[in-house]
Amino acid sequence: MADGYVSVDRAAVRQMVEDEWRALVLFGRHLGETHPTTPMEQFTDVILDFTRRSQERYQATAALMPPEQAEIFLQVVEEEDSICFEDRQRNPDAFYHRLGLSFPYDHQIPAQRQIVRRQSISEIAVKTAVRATIWELIFSLFRR
């Protein structure tokens, strides 16, 4: 950060935001499949709680940074989140494909959707371990 220049790695932030979206979609899908009779109001409350916790994680990450960098980081998070939201609204199938999710979008409630292919436990475990390692590396960079 020489000469007052503050840097935030947009690609890393994009990956973090897309990871949150991926988790949100999978979480919502799981809820719809495992609790098909849950009223939509409850379903919405749970999803809103999930997104609130995501925002708390972003804030916690920003708290590890100098104030100027934290401000830029949160701005980039907001921009990337808006891009994801707009992409999801415009073309859900393409958005899910970009996230590496392989189920088609339809306009039915989540309990009525069908997954084309599920990832195996080992695939999910490997991806989770790799992401955890990447995030630990990113957090260690901010702690310096």
N, C-alpha and C. Protein backbone atom coordinates (compact mmCIF):
# COMPACT_ATOMS: atom_id res chain seq x y z
N MET A 1 0.82 -1.19 0.00
CA MET A 1 0.00 0.00 0.00
C MET A 1 0.86 1.25 0.00
N ALA A 2 1.84 1.28 -0.83
CA ALA A 2 2.72 2.43 -0.94
C ALA A 2 1.99 3.61 -1.55
N ASP A 3 2.39 4.80 -1.12
CA ASP A 3 1.83 6.04 -1.65
C ASP A 3 0.32 6.12 -1.53
N GLY A 4 -0.27 5.54 -0.51
CA GLY A 4 -1.69 5.66 -0.29
C GLY A 4 -2.56 4.80 -1.19
N TYR A 5 -1.95 3.97 -2.02
CA TYR A 5 -2.71 3.11 -2.93
C TYR A 5 -3.25 1.91 -2.16
N VAL A 6 -4.54 1.68 -2.27
CA VAL A 6 -5.19 0.58 -1.58
C VAL A 6 -5.66 -0.42 -2.62
N SER A 7 -5.35 -1.69 -2.39
CA SER A 7 -5.68 -2.71 -3.37
C SER A 7 -6.59 -3.77 -2.77
N VAL A 8 -7.54 -4.21 -3.59
CA VAL A 8 -8.41 -5.33 -3.23
C VAL A 8 -8.45 -6.24 -4.45
N ASP A 9 -8.23 -7.50 -4.25
CA ASP A 9 -8.22 -8.47 -5.34
C ASP A 9 -9.66 -8.81 -5.74
N ARG A 10 -10.12 -8.20 -6.83
CA ARG A 10 -11.50 -8.39 -7.27
C ARG A 10 -11.80 -9.85 -7.57
N ALA A 11 -10.87 -10.56 -8.17
CA ALA A 11 -11.10 -11.97 -8.49
C ALA A 11 -11.32 -12.79 -7.23
N ALA A 12 -10.55 -12.50 -6.18
CA ALA A 12 -10.73 -13.22 -4.91
C ALA A 12 -12.09 -12.88 -4.29
N VAL A 13 -12.47 -11.61 -4.36
CA VAL A 13 -13.76 -11.20 -3.82
C VAL A 13 -14.89 -11.85 -4.63
N ARG A 14 -14.76 -11.87 -5.95
CA ARG A 14 -15.77 -12.50 -6.80
C ARG A 14 -15.94 -13.97 -6.41
N GLN A 15 -14.81 -14.67 -6.21
CA GLN A 15 -14.88 -16.08 -5.81
C GLN A 15 -15.59 -16.24 -4.47
N MET A 16 -15.28 -15.35 -3.54
CA MET A 16 -15.91 -15.42 -2.22
C MET A 16 -17.42 -15.20 -2.34
N VAL A 17 -17.82 -14.20 -3.11
CA VAL A 17 -19.25 -13.90 -3.28
C VAL A 17 -19.95 -15.06 -4.01
N GLU A 18 -19.31 -15.59 -5.04
CA GLU A 18 -19.91 -16.72 -5.75
C GLU A 18 -20.00 -17.96 -4.86
N ASP A 19 -19.02 -18.15 -3.97
CA ASP A 19 -19.10 -19.26 -3.01
C ASP A 19 -20.33 -19.09 -2.11
N GLU A 20 -20.57 -17.87 -1.67
CA GLU A 20 -21.75 -17.61 -0.83
C GLU A 20 -23.03 -17.88 -1.61
N TRP A 21 -23.08 -17.43 -2.86
CA TRP A 21 -24.27 -17.68 -3.69
C TRP A 21 -24.47 -19.17 -3.91
N ARG A 22 -23.37 -19.88 -4.18
CA ARG A 22 -23.45 -21.32 -4.40
C ARG A 22 -24.00 -22.00 -3.14
N ALA A 23 -23.46 -21.62 -1.99
CA ALA A 23 -23.93 -22.19 -0.73
C ALA A 23 -25.40 -21.86 -0.50
N LEU A 24 -25.80 -20.63 -0.82
CA LEU A 24 -27.19 -20.22 -0.64
C LEU A 24 -28.12 -21.05 -1.52
N VAL A 25 -27.75 -21.22 -2.79
CA VAL A 25 -28.59 -21.99 -3.71
C VAL A 25 -28.69 -23.45 -3.23
N LEU A 26 -27.56 -24.03 -2.85
CA LEU A 26 -27.59 -25.42 -2.40
C LEU A 26 -28.36 -25.56 -1.09
N PHE A 27 -28.20 -24.60 -0.21
CA PHE A 27 -28.93 -24.62 1.06
C PHE A 27 -30.43 -24.52 0.82
N GLY A 28 -30.83 -23.59 -0.04
CA GLY A 28 -32.25 -23.44 -0.37
C GLY A 28 -32.80 -24.68 -1.02
N ARG A 29 -32.02 -25.26 -1.91
CA ARG A 29 -32.44 -26.49 -2.58
C ARG A 29 -32.63 -27.62 -1.57
N HIS A 30 -31.67 -27.74 -0.66
CA HIS A 30 -31.74 -28.78 0.36
C HIS A 30 -32.97 -28.59 1.26
N LEU A 31 -33.21 -27.35 1.65
CA LEU A 31 -34.39 -27.07 2.49
C LEU A 31 -35.68 -27.47 1.77
N GLY A 32 -35.77 -27.10 0.52
CA GLY A 32 -36.97 -27.43 -0.25
C GLY A 32 -37.18 -28.92 -0.39
N GLU A 33 -36.08 -29.66 -0.52
CA GLU A 33 -36.19 -31.11 -0.69
C GLU A 33 -36.47 -31.84 0.62
N THR A 34 -35.89 -31.35 1.70
CA THR A 34 -36.03 -32.06 2.98
C THR A 34 -37.23 -31.60 3.80
N HIS A 35 -37.76 -30.44 3.48
CA HIS A 35 -38.90 -29.90 4.22
C HIS A 35 -39.96 -29.40 3.22
N PRO A 36 -40.51 -30.29 2.42
CA PRO A 36 -41.41 -29.85 1.34
C PRO A 36 -42.71 -29.21 1.83
N THR A 37 -43.08 -29.42 3.07
CA THR A 37 -44.35 -28.85 3.55
C THR A 37 -44.15 -27.57 4.36
N THR A 38 -42.91 -27.12 4.46
CA THR A 38 -42.64 -25.89 5.20
C THR A 38 -43.28 -24.70 4.49
N PRO A 39 -44.00 -23.86 5.22
CA PRO A 39 -44.60 -22.67 4.59
C PRO A 39 -43.52 -21.76 4.02
N MET A 40 -43.82 -21.13 2.89
CA MET A 40 -42.85 -20.26 2.22
C MET A 40 -42.35 -19.14 3.13
N GLU A 41 -43.19 -18.65 4.03
CA GLU A 41 -42.77 -17.59 4.94
C GLU A 41 -41.61 -18.06 5.82
N GLN A 42 -41.69 -19.27 6.35
CA GLN A 42 -40.60 -19.82 7.15
C GLN A 42 -39.37 -20.04 6.29
N PHE A 43 -39.58 -20.55 5.12
CA PHE A 43 -38.50 -20.80 4.18
C PHE A 43 -37.77 -19.48 3.90
N THR A 44 -38.50 -18.43 3.66
CA THR A 44 -37.93 -17.11 3.38
C THR A 44 -37.14 -16.61 4.59
N ASP A 45 -37.68 -16.79 5.79
CA ASP A 45 -36.98 -16.36 7.00
C ASP A 45 -35.62 -17.06 7.15
N VAL A 46 -35.58 -18.34 6.86
CA VAL A 46 -34.34 -19.10 6.98
C VAL A 46 -33.32 -18.61 5.95
N ILE A 47 -33.77 -18.36 4.74
CA ILE A 47 -32.88 -17.86 3.69
C ILE A 47 -32.36 -16.46 4.04
N LEU A 48 -33.23 -15.61 4.57
CA LEU A 48 -32.80 -14.27 4.99
C LEU A 48 -31.75 -14.35 6.10
N ASP A 49 -31.93 -15.30 7.01
CA ASP A 49 -30.94 -15.51 8.07
C ASP A 49 -29.61 -15.95 7.48
N PHE A 50 -29.66 -16.81 6.48
CA PHE A 50 -28.45 -17.27 5.81
C PHE A 50 -27.72 -16.08 5.19
N THR A 51 -28.44 -15.21 4.50
CA THR A 51 -27.80 -14.06 3.86
C THR A 51 -27.27 -13.07 4.90
N ARG A 52 -27.95 -12.95 6.03
CA ARG A 52 -27.45 -12.08 7.11
C ARG A 52 -26.11 -12.59 7.63
N ARG A 53 -26.00 -13.90 7.79
CA ARG A 53 -24.74 -14.47 8.24
C ARG A 53 -23.63 -14.27 7.20
N SER A 54 -23.99 -14.32 5.93
CA SER A 54 -23.01 -14.03 4.87
C SER A 54 -22.49 -12.61 5.02
N GLN A 55 -23.39 -11.67 5.23
CA GLN A 55 -22.99 -10.27 5.41
C GLN A 55 -22.08 -10.12 6.64
N GLU A 56 -22.38 -10.85 7.69
CA GLU A 56 -21.53 -10.81 8.89
C GLU A 56 -20.13 -11.33 8.58
N ARG A 57 -20.02 -12.36 7.75
CA ARG A 57 -18.70 -12.88 7.36
C ARG A 57 -17.94 -11.83 6.55
N TYR A 58 -18.63 -11.14 5.66
CA TYR A 58 -17.96 -10.08 4.89
C TYR A 58 -17.45 -8.99 5.83
N GLN A 59 -18.28 -8.61 6.79
CA GLN A 59 -17.88 -7.58 7.75
C GLN A 59 -16.70 -8.04 8.59
N ALA A 60 -16.70 -9.32 8.99
CA ALA A 60 -15.60 -9.86 9.79
C ALA A 60 -14.30 -9.86 8.97
N THR A 61 -14.39 -10.16 7.69
CA THR A 61 -13.22 -10.12 6.81
C THR A 61 -12.72 -8.70 6.70
N ALA A 62 -13.63 -7.76 6.51
CA ALA A 62 -13.25 -6.35 6.39
C ALA A 62 -12.60 -5.83 7.67
N ALA A 63 -13.02 -6.35 8.81
CA ALA A 63 -12.47 -5.91 10.09
C ALA A 63 -10.99 -6.27 10.23
N LEU A 64 -10.52 -7.22 9.44
CA LEU A 64 -9.10 -7.62 9.46
C LEU A 64 -8.23 -6.69 8.63
N MET A 65 -8.85 -5.76 7.92
CA MET A 65 -8.13 -4.88 6.98
C MET A 65 -8.01 -3.47 7.54
N PRO A 66 -7.06 -2.72 6.99
CA PRO A 66 -7.02 -1.29 7.31
C PRO A 66 -8.32 -0.64 6.84
N PRO A 67 -8.76 0.44 7.47
CA PRO A 67 -10.05 1.05 7.15
C PRO A 67 -10.28 1.36 5.67
N GLU A 68 -9.28 1.92 4.99
CA GLU A 68 -9.46 2.26 3.58
C GLU A 68 -9.67 1.01 2.73
N GLN A 69 -8.88 -0.02 3.01
CA GLN A 69 -9.00 -1.27 2.27
C GLN A 69 -10.33 -1.95 2.58
N ALA A 70 -10.75 -1.89 3.84
CA ALA A 70 -12.03 -2.49 4.24
C ALA A 70 -13.18 -1.84 3.50
N GLU A 71 -13.13 -0.53 3.36
CA GLU A 71 -14.19 0.19 2.65
C GLU A 71 -14.27 -0.25 1.19
N ILE A 72 -13.11 -0.33 0.55
CA ILE A 72 -13.07 -0.76 -0.85
C ILE A 72 -13.51 -2.21 -0.96
N PHE A 73 -13.05 -3.06 -0.05
CA PHE A 73 -13.44 -4.47 -0.04
C PHE A 73 -14.96 -4.62 0.01
N LEU A 74 -15.60 -3.92 0.95
CA LEU A 74 -17.05 -4.02 1.10
C LEU A 74 -17.77 -3.47 -0.14
N GLN A 75 -17.21 -2.45 -0.76
CA GLN A 75 -17.80 -1.91 -1.98
C GLN A 75 -17.71 -2.95 -3.11
N VAL A 76 -16.57 -3.62 -3.24
CA VAL A 76 -16.40 -4.64 -4.27
C VAL A 76 -17.31 -5.83 -3.99
N VAL A 77 -17.46 -6.20 -2.71
CA VAL A 77 -18.39 -7.28 -2.35
C VAL A 77 -19.80 -6.92 -2.82
N GLU A 78 -20.22 -5.70 -2.54
CA GLU A 78 -21.56 -5.25 -2.95
C GLU A 78 -21.71 -5.28 -4.47
N GLU A 79 -20.70 -4.82 -5.18
CA GLU A 79 -20.76 -4.83 -6.64
C GLU A 79 -20.86 -6.25 -7.18
N GLU A 80 -20.03 -7.16 -6.66
CA GLU A 80 -20.04 -8.54 -7.13
C GLU A 80 -21.35 -9.24 -6.75
N ASP A 81 -21.88 -8.92 -5.59
CA ASP A 81 -23.16 -9.50 -5.18
C ASP A 81 -24.28 -9.02 -6.11
N SER A 82 -24.24 -7.75 -6.48
CA SER A 82 -25.24 -7.21 -7.41
C SER A 82 -25.13 -7.87 -8.78
N ILE A 83 -23.91 -8.11 -9.22
CA ILE A 83 -23.71 -8.80 -10.50
C ILE A 83 -24.32 -10.19 -10.44
N CYS A 84 -24.06 -10.92 -9.36
CA CYS A 84 -24.63 -12.26 -9.20
C CYS A 84 -26.15 -12.20 -9.20
N PHE A 85 -26.70 -11.25 -8.45
CA PHE A 85 -28.15 -11.13 -8.37
C PHE A 85 -28.75 -10.87 -9.75
N GLU A 86 -28.16 -9.93 -10.48
CA GLU A 86 -28.66 -9.60 -11.81
C GLU A 86 -28.52 -10.77 -12.77
N ASP A 87 -27.38 -11.46 -12.72
CA ASP A 87 -27.18 -12.63 -13.57
C ASP A 87 -28.20 -13.71 -13.24
N ARG A 88 -28.48 -13.90 -11.98
CA ARG A 88 -29.46 -14.90 -11.54
C ARG A 88 -30.86 -14.54 -12.04
N GLN A 89 -31.19 -13.25 -11.99
CA GLN A 89 -32.50 -12.79 -12.46
C GLN A 89 -32.62 -12.93 -13.98
N ARG A 90 -31.56 -12.58 -14.68
CA ARG A 90 -31.58 -12.57 -16.14
C ARG A 90 -31.61 -13.98 -16.73
N ASN A 91 -30.76 -14.89 -16.23
CA ASN A 91 -30.68 -16.23 -16.80
C ASN A 91 -30.23 -17.21 -15.72
N PRO A 92 -31.20 -17.74 -14.93
CA PRO A 92 -30.83 -18.63 -13.82
C PRO A 92 -30.02 -19.85 -14.26
N ASP A 93 -30.37 -20.46 -15.38
CA ASP A 93 -29.62 -21.65 -15.82
C ASP A 93 -28.15 -21.32 -16.07
N ALA A 94 -27.88 -20.22 -16.76
CA ALA A 94 -26.50 -19.83 -17.03
C ALA A 94 -25.78 -19.48 -15.73
N PHE A 95 -26.48 -18.82 -14.82
CA PHE A 95 -25.89 -18.47 -13.54
C PHE A 95 -25.52 -19.72 -12.75
N TYR A 96 -26.43 -20.68 -12.66
CA TYR A 96 -26.14 -21.93 -11.95
C TYR A 96 -24.98 -22.67 -12.60
N HIS A 97 -24.94 -22.66 -13.93
CA HIS A 97 -23.85 -23.31 -14.64
C HIS A 97 -22.52 -22.64 -14.28
N ARG A 98 -22.51 -21.31 -14.25
CA ARG A 98 -21.30 -20.56 -13.88
C ARG A 98 -20.83 -20.94 -12.48
N LEU A 99 -21.77 -21.21 -11.60
CA LEU A 99 -21.42 -21.60 -10.23
C LEU A 99 -21.03 -23.07 -10.12
N GLY A 100 -21.14 -23.80 -11.22
CA GLY A 100 -20.79 -25.21 -11.21
C GLY A 100 -21.90 -26.10 -10.70
N LEU A 101 -23.11 -25.58 -10.68
CA LEU A 101 -24.26 -26.35 -10.23
C LEU A 101 -24.93 -26.95 -11.46
N SER A 102 -25.29 -28.20 -11.36
CA SER A 102 -25.79 -28.89 -12.56
C SER A 102 -27.25 -29.30 -12.42
N PHE A 103 -28.09 -28.38 -12.03
CA PHE A 103 -29.51 -28.68 -12.05
C PHE A 103 -30.23 -27.54 -12.76
N PRO A 104 -31.27 -27.88 -13.47
CA PRO A 104 -31.98 -26.85 -14.23
C PRO A 104 -32.85 -25.99 -13.33
N TYR A 105 -32.99 -24.76 -13.70
CA TYR A 105 -33.89 -23.86 -13.00
C TYR A 105 -35.29 -24.02 -13.59
N ASP A 106 -36.27 -24.05 -12.72
CA ASP A 106 -37.64 -23.94 -13.20
C ASP A 106 -38.38 -23.02 -12.23
N HIS A 107 -39.58 -22.67 -12.56
CA HIS A 107 -40.30 -21.67 -11.77
C HIS A 107 -41.18 -22.28 -10.70
N GLN A 108 -40.99 -23.52 -10.37
CA GLN A 108 -41.77 -24.16 -9.32
C GLN A 108 -41.10 -23.89 -7.98
N ILE A 109 -41.83 -24.16 -6.90
CA ILE A 109 -41.23 -23.99 -5.58
C ILE A 109 -40.13 -25.03 -5.43
N PRO A 110 -39.13 -24.79 -4.57
CA PRO A 110 -37.97 -25.67 -4.48
C PRO A 110 -38.32 -27.15 -4.28
N ALA A 111 -39.36 -27.46 -3.55
CA ALA A 111 -39.69 -28.86 -3.28
C ALA A 111 -40.13 -29.59 -4.55
N GLN A 112 -40.53 -28.86 -5.57
CA GLN A 112 -41.01 -29.50 -6.79
C GLN A 112 -39.93 -29.59 -7.87
N ARG A 113 -38.76 -29.03 -7.61
CA ARG A 113 -37.67 -29.08 -8.57
C ARG A 113 -36.97 -30.42 -8.46
N GLN A 114 -36.30 -30.82 -9.51
CA GLN A 114 -35.54 -32.06 -9.48
C GLN A 114 -34.10 -31.77 -9.86
N ILE A 115 -33.18 -32.39 -9.17
CA ILE A 115 -31.77 -32.24 -9.45
C ILE A 115 -31.37 -33.24 -10.52
N VAL A 116 -30.66 -32.77 -11.54
CA VAL A 116 -30.23 -33.64 -12.61
C VAL A 116 -29.06 -34.50 -12.15
N ARG A 117 -28.07 -33.90 -11.49
CA ARG A 117 -26.91 -34.63 -11.01
C ARG A 117 -26.46 -34.04 -9.68
N ARG A 118 -26.28 -34.88 -8.71
CA ARG A 118 -25.75 -34.42 -7.42
C ARG A 118 -24.26 -34.68 -7.38
N GLN A 119 -23.55 -33.82 -6.68
CA GLN A 119 -22.14 -34.06 -6.48
C GLN A 119 -22.00 -35.12 -5.38
N SER A 120 -20.99 -35.94 -5.52
CA SER A 120 -20.75 -36.95 -4.49
C SER A 120 -20.18 -36.27 -3.25
N ILE A 121 -20.25 -36.96 -2.14
CA ILE A 121 -19.70 -36.44 -0.89
C ILE A 121 -18.21 -36.15 -1.05
N SER A 122 -17.50 -37.03 -1.74
CA SER A 122 -16.06 -36.82 -1.91
C SER A 122 -15.77 -35.58 -2.75
N GLU A 123 -16.57 -35.33 -3.80
CA GLU A 123 -16.38 -34.13 -4.61
C GLU A 123 -16.60 -32.87 -3.77
N ILE A 124 -17.65 -32.88 -2.98
CA ILE A 124 -17.95 -31.73 -2.12
C ILE A 124 -16.86 -31.55 -1.08
N ALA A 125 -16.39 -32.65 -0.48
CA ALA A 125 -15.35 -32.57 0.55
C ALA A 125 -14.06 -31.99 -0.01
N VAL A 126 -13.67 -32.43 -1.19
CA VAL A 126 -12.44 -31.93 -1.81
C VAL A 126 -12.58 -30.44 -2.12
N LYS A 127 -13.70 -30.05 -2.72
CA LYS A 127 -13.90 -28.63 -3.05
C LYS A 127 -13.92 -27.78 -1.78
N THR A 128 -14.56 -28.27 -0.73
CA THR A 128 -14.63 -27.53 0.53
C THR A 128 -13.25 -27.38 1.14
N ALA A 129 -12.46 -28.45 1.13
CA ALA A 129 -11.10 -28.39 1.69
C ALA A 129 -10.23 -27.41 0.91
N VAL A 130 -10.34 -27.42 -0.40
CA VAL A 130 -9.55 -26.50 -1.23
C VAL A 130 -9.97 -25.06 -0.93
N ARG A 131 -11.27 -24.81 -0.87
CA ARG A 131 -11.74 -23.44 -0.58
C ARG A 131 -11.30 -22.99 0.81
N ALA A 132 -11.37 -23.88 1.79
CA ALA A 132 -10.95 -23.52 3.15
C ALA A 132 -9.48 -23.13 3.15
N THR A 133 -8.67 -23.87 2.41
CA THR A 133 -7.24 -23.56 2.32
C THR A 133 -7.03 -22.20 1.66
N ILE A 134 -7.77 -21.94 0.59
CA ILE A 134 -7.65 -20.65 -0.11
C ILE A 134 -8.07 -19.51 0.81
N TRP A 135 -9.19 -19.68 1.51
CA TRP A 135 -9.66 -18.60 2.39
C TRP A 135 -8.71 -18.38 3.56
N GLU A 136 -8.12 -19.44 4.08
CA GLU A 136 -7.15 -19.29 5.16
C GLU A 136 -5.95 -18.49 4.66
N LEU A 137 -5.52 -18.74 3.42
CA LEU A 137 -4.42 -17.99 2.82
C LEU A 137 -4.81 -16.51 2.67
N ILE A 138 -6.02 -16.25 2.19
CA ILE A 138 -6.47 -14.87 2.02
C ILE A 138 -6.53 -14.17 3.37
N PHE A 139 -7.10 -14.82 4.39
CA PHE A 139 -7.19 -14.21 5.72
C PHE A 139 -5.78 -13.93 6.28
N SER A 140 -4.84 -14.85 6.02
CA SER A 140 -3.48 -14.64 6.53
C SER A 140 -2.83 -13.42 5.88
N LEU A 141 -3.16 -13.16 4.60
CA LEU A 141 -2.62 -11.98 3.93
C LEU A 141 -3.12 -10.69 4.59
N PHE A 142 -4.37 -10.70 5.04
CA PHE A 142 -4.94 -9.50 5.64
C PHE A 142 -4.44 -9.28 7.07
N ARG A 143 -3.97 -10.34 7.70
CA ARG A 143 -3.51 -10.23 9.09
C ARG A 143 -2.11 -9.63 9.18
N ARG A 144 -1.42 -9.51 8.06
CA ARG A 144 -0.03 -9.00 8.08
C ARG A 144 0.05 -7.57 8.42
